[in-house]
N, C-alpha and C. Protein backbone atom coordinates (compact mmCIF):
# COMPACT_ATOMS: atom_id res chain seq x y z
N UNK A 1 0.84 -1.18 0.00
CA UNK A 1 0.00 0.00 0.00
C UNK A 1 0.88 1.24 0.00
N UNK A 2 0.54 2.22 -0.81
CA UNK A 2 1.33 3.45 -0.86
C UNK A 2 0.74 4.48 0.10
N UNK A 3 1.60 5.30 0.63
CA UNK A 3 1.15 6.37 1.52
C UNK A 3 0.62 7.53 0.70
N UNK A 4 -0.07 8.47 1.35
CA UNK A 4 -0.55 9.66 0.67
C UNK A 4 0.61 10.46 0.09
N UNK A 5 1.73 10.52 0.84
CA UNK A 5 2.89 11.24 0.37
C UNK A 5 3.46 10.60 -0.89
N UNK A 6 3.56 9.27 -0.90
CA UNK A 6 4.06 8.59 -2.10
C UNK A 6 3.13 8.81 -3.28
N UNK A 7 1.82 8.74 -3.03
CA UNK A 7 0.84 8.94 -4.10
C UNK A 7 0.94 10.37 -4.63
N UNK A 8 1.11 11.33 -3.73
CA UNK A 8 1.22 12.72 -4.15
C UNK A 8 2.48 12.95 -4.96
N UNK A 9 3.61 12.40 -4.52
CA UNK A 9 4.85 12.60 -5.28
C UNK A 9 4.77 11.90 -6.63
N UNK A 10 4.15 10.73 -6.68
CA UNK A 10 3.96 10.04 -7.96
C UNK A 10 3.08 10.88 -8.89
N UNK A 11 2.01 11.45 -8.34
CA UNK A 11 1.12 12.30 -9.14
C UNK A 11 1.85 13.53 -9.66
N UNK A 12 2.66 14.15 -8.79
CA UNK A 12 3.43 15.32 -9.21
C UNK A 12 4.40 14.96 -10.32
N UNK A 13 5.11 13.87 -10.15
CA UNK A 13 6.07 13.43 -11.16
C UNK A 13 5.36 13.20 -12.50
N UNK A 14 4.24 12.48 -12.45
CA UNK A 14 3.50 12.20 -13.68
C UNK A 14 2.97 13.47 -14.33
N UNK A 15 2.47 14.38 -13.50
CA UNK A 15 1.94 15.65 -14.02
C UNK A 15 3.04 16.47 -14.68
N UNK A 16 4.20 16.54 -14.06
CA UNK A 16 5.30 17.31 -14.64
C UNK A 16 5.75 16.69 -15.96
N UNK A 17 5.81 15.37 -16.03
CA UNK A 17 6.15 14.70 -17.30
C UNK A 17 5.11 15.01 -18.37
N UNK A 18 3.82 15.02 -18.00
CA UNK A 18 2.76 15.35 -18.96
C UNK A 18 2.92 16.78 -19.46
N UNK A 19 3.12 17.72 -18.53
CA UNK A 19 3.30 19.12 -18.91
C UNK A 19 4.52 19.28 -19.81
N UNK A 20 5.60 18.56 -19.48
CA UNK A 20 6.82 18.62 -20.27
C UNK A 20 6.55 18.16 -21.70
N UNK A 21 5.89 17.01 -21.83
CA UNK A 21 5.61 16.48 -23.16
C UNK A 21 4.67 17.39 -23.95
N UNK A 22 3.70 18.01 -23.28
CA UNK A 22 2.79 18.93 -23.96
C UNK A 22 3.54 20.18 -24.44
N UNK A 23 4.54 20.60 -23.68
CA UNK A 23 5.28 21.82 -24.02
C UNK A 23 6.36 21.62 -25.08
N UNK A 24 6.69 20.38 -25.36
CA UNK A 24 7.75 20.07 -26.33
C UNK A 24 7.13 19.41 -27.55
N UNK A 25 6.56 20.16 -28.45
CA UNK A 25 5.93 19.56 -29.62
C UNK A 25 6.94 18.76 -30.45
N UNK A 26 6.50 17.61 -30.88
CA UNK A 26 7.35 16.79 -31.73
C UNK A 26 8.30 15.88 -30.98
N UNK A 27 8.19 15.78 -29.64
CA UNK A 27 9.11 14.93 -28.90
C UNK A 27 8.56 13.53 -28.68
N UNK A 28 7.28 13.32 -28.85
CA UNK A 28 6.62 12.03 -28.71
C UNK A 28 7.03 11.27 -27.46
N UNK A 29 6.97 11.93 -26.32
CA UNK A 29 7.20 11.27 -25.04
C UNK A 29 8.64 11.05 -24.66
N UNK A 30 9.58 11.60 -25.41
CA UNK A 30 10.99 11.42 -25.08
C UNK A 30 11.34 12.26 -23.85
N UNK A 31 12.34 11.80 -23.09
CA UNK A 31 12.76 12.55 -21.92
C UNK A 31 13.37 13.88 -22.30
N UNK A 32 14.10 13.90 -23.36
CA UNK A 32 14.74 15.13 -23.82
C UNK A 32 14.36 15.35 -25.28
N UNK A 33 14.21 16.59 -25.67
CA UNK A 33 13.92 16.86 -27.08
C UNK A 33 15.05 16.34 -27.97
N UNK A 34 14.75 16.02 -29.21
CA UNK A 34 15.77 15.51 -30.13
C UNK A 34 16.91 16.51 -30.33
N UNK A 35 18.04 15.99 -30.77
CA UNK A 35 19.19 16.85 -31.06
C UNK A 35 18.78 17.93 -32.05
N UNK A 36 19.30 19.11 -31.85
CA UNK A 36 18.98 20.21 -32.72
C UNK A 36 17.76 21.00 -32.30
N UNK A 37 17.11 20.59 -31.21
CA UNK A 37 15.92 21.29 -30.72
C UNK A 37 16.29 22.67 -30.20
N UNK A 38 17.51 22.78 -29.66
CA UNK A 38 18.07 24.07 -29.25
C UNK A 38 17.21 24.87 -28.31
N UNK A 39 17.03 26.15 -28.64
CA UNK A 39 16.30 27.07 -27.78
C UNK A 39 14.79 26.82 -27.78
N UNK A 40 14.32 25.89 -28.58
CA UNK A 40 12.89 25.62 -28.64
C UNK A 40 12.38 24.85 -27.43
N UNK A 41 13.28 24.39 -26.56
CA UNK A 41 12.86 23.65 -25.38
C UNK A 41 12.08 24.59 -24.47
N UNK A 42 10.89 24.17 -24.07
CA UNK A 42 10.05 24.98 -23.20
C UNK A 42 10.15 24.46 -21.77
N UNK A 43 10.41 25.35 -20.83
CA UNK A 43 10.49 25.00 -19.42
C UNK A 43 9.09 24.98 -18.82
N UNK A 44 8.97 24.30 -17.68
CA UNK A 44 7.68 24.19 -17.00
C UNK A 44 7.75 24.96 -15.69
N UNK A 45 6.97 26.03 -15.55
CA UNK A 45 7.00 26.82 -14.32
C UNK A 45 6.24 26.12 -13.18
N UNK A 46 6.69 26.38 -11.97
CA UNK A 46 6.04 25.80 -10.80
C UNK A 46 4.56 26.15 -10.71
N UNK A 47 4.20 27.33 -11.19
CA UNK A 47 2.79 27.74 -11.14
C UNK A 47 1.91 26.86 -12.02
N UNK A 48 2.44 26.40 -13.16
CA UNK A 48 1.68 25.51 -14.04
C UNK A 48 1.46 24.16 -13.37
N UNK A 49 2.46 23.68 -12.65
CA UNK A 49 2.34 22.41 -11.95
C UNK A 49 1.30 22.53 -10.84
N UNK A 50 1.36 23.62 -10.07
CA UNK A 50 0.41 23.83 -8.98
C UNK A 50 -1.02 23.94 -9.53
N UNK A 51 -1.16 24.66 -10.63
CA UNK A 51 -2.48 24.82 -11.23
C UNK A 51 -3.05 23.49 -11.70
N UNK A 52 -2.23 22.70 -12.37
CA UNK A 52 -2.69 21.41 -12.92
C UNK A 52 -3.03 20.42 -11.80
N UNK A 53 -2.24 20.42 -10.73
CA UNK A 53 -2.44 19.44 -9.66
C UNK A 53 -3.42 19.91 -8.60
N UNK A 54 -3.63 21.22 -8.50
CA UNK A 54 -4.48 21.75 -7.45
C UNK A 54 -3.78 21.82 -6.10
N UNK A 55 -2.46 21.61 -6.10
CA UNK A 55 -1.69 21.67 -4.86
C UNK A 55 -1.21 23.10 -4.58
N UNK A 56 -0.91 23.34 -3.33
CA UNK A 56 -0.36 24.62 -2.90
C UNK A 56 1.00 24.83 -3.57
N UNK A 57 1.26 26.05 -4.00
CA UNK A 57 2.51 26.37 -4.68
C UNK A 57 3.73 26.05 -3.82
N UNK A 58 3.64 26.28 -2.53
CA UNK A 58 4.77 25.98 -1.63
C UNK A 58 5.08 24.48 -1.63
N UNK A 59 4.06 23.65 -1.68
CA UNK A 59 4.27 22.19 -1.71
C UNK A 59 4.93 21.77 -3.02
N UNK A 60 4.51 22.38 -4.12
CA UNK A 60 5.12 22.07 -5.43
C UNK A 60 6.58 22.48 -5.42
N UNK A 61 6.87 23.65 -4.89
CA UNK A 61 8.26 24.12 -4.85
C UNK A 61 9.12 23.22 -3.97
N UNK A 62 8.59 22.76 -2.87
CA UNK A 62 9.34 21.84 -2.01
C UNK A 62 9.62 20.53 -2.74
N UNK A 63 8.62 20.01 -3.45
CA UNK A 63 8.82 18.79 -4.23
C UNK A 63 9.91 19.00 -5.27
N UNK A 64 9.87 20.13 -5.99
CA UNK A 64 10.86 20.39 -7.02
C UNK A 64 12.26 20.54 -6.43
N UNK A 65 12.36 21.17 -5.27
CA UNK A 65 13.66 21.28 -4.61
C UNK A 65 14.24 19.90 -4.30
N UNK A 66 13.39 18.98 -3.84
CA UNK A 66 13.85 17.64 -3.50
C UNK A 66 14.10 16.77 -4.72
N UNK A 67 13.39 17.06 -5.83
CA UNK A 67 13.54 16.26 -7.05
C UNK A 67 14.66 16.77 -7.96
N UNK A 68 15.17 17.96 -7.68
CA UNK A 68 16.21 18.56 -8.50
C UNK A 68 17.46 17.68 -8.50
N UNK A 69 17.91 17.33 -9.69
CA UNK A 69 19.10 16.50 -9.82
C UNK A 69 18.82 15.01 -9.71
N UNK A 70 17.58 14.67 -9.35
CA UNK A 70 17.20 13.26 -9.22
C UNK A 70 16.21 12.88 -10.32
N UNK A 71 15.14 13.65 -10.43
CA UNK A 71 14.12 13.40 -11.43
C UNK A 71 14.04 14.50 -12.48
N UNK A 72 14.45 15.70 -12.09
CA UNK A 72 14.36 16.87 -12.97
C UNK A 72 15.59 17.75 -12.80
N UNK A 73 15.79 18.62 -13.77
CA UNK A 73 16.73 19.73 -13.62
C UNK A 73 15.86 20.94 -13.36
N UNK A 74 16.09 21.59 -12.23
CA UNK A 74 15.24 22.70 -11.80
C UNK A 74 16.06 23.97 -11.69
N UNK A 75 15.57 25.01 -12.32
CA UNK A 75 16.19 26.33 -12.23
C UNK A 75 15.49 27.11 -11.13
N UNK A 76 16.26 27.84 -10.33
CA UNK A 76 15.70 28.64 -9.25
C UNK A 76 15.98 30.11 -9.52
N UNK A 77 14.94 30.92 -9.33
CA UNK A 77 15.07 32.36 -9.42
C UNK A 77 14.22 32.93 -8.30
N UNK A 78 14.88 33.39 -7.23
CA UNK A 78 14.18 33.82 -6.03
C UNK A 78 13.31 32.66 -5.52
N UNK A 79 12.02 32.86 -5.43
CA UNK A 79 11.12 31.81 -4.95
C UNK A 79 10.64 30.88 -6.06
N UNK A 80 10.80 31.30 -7.30
CA UNK A 80 10.27 30.56 -8.44
C UNK A 80 11.14 29.35 -8.78
N UNK A 81 10.48 28.27 -9.15
CA UNK A 81 11.15 27.05 -9.62
C UNK A 81 10.65 26.77 -11.03
N UNK A 82 11.55 26.34 -11.91
CA UNK A 82 11.20 26.01 -13.28
C UNK A 82 11.90 24.72 -13.67
N UNK A 83 11.13 23.76 -14.17
CA UNK A 83 11.70 22.51 -14.64
C UNK A 83 12.25 22.76 -16.04
N UNK A 84 13.57 22.55 -16.19
CA UNK A 84 14.20 22.82 -17.48
C UNK A 84 14.56 21.54 -18.23
N UNK A 85 14.51 20.40 -17.54
CA UNK A 85 14.79 19.12 -18.20
C UNK A 85 14.32 17.98 -17.31
N UNK A 86 14.05 16.84 -17.93
CA UNK A 86 13.72 15.62 -17.20
C UNK A 86 14.96 14.75 -17.14
N UNK A 87 15.08 14.01 -16.06
CA UNK A 87 16.17 13.05 -15.91
C UNK A 87 15.56 11.66 -15.93
N UNK A 88 16.17 10.75 -16.65
CA UNK A 88 15.65 9.38 -16.77
C UNK A 88 15.36 8.74 -15.45
């Protein structure tokens, strides 16, 4: 049986992957856009994740801080978090 925390983190991870794939046209579910994609890579802001999941923005930011370097590459600017890449 999974805990609420595990279910929430799984949901967040899945939601971020969905948002990532939606934002990268032509990637067909790949973790990273194909070679030559260059500046066309679209980052996923923490606010989009919070909006899609219905979770508090602070909880999303805490999740992203903990997932940085493990599941995602996360850019920080003041309080804002942005997913810039997925990690396998």
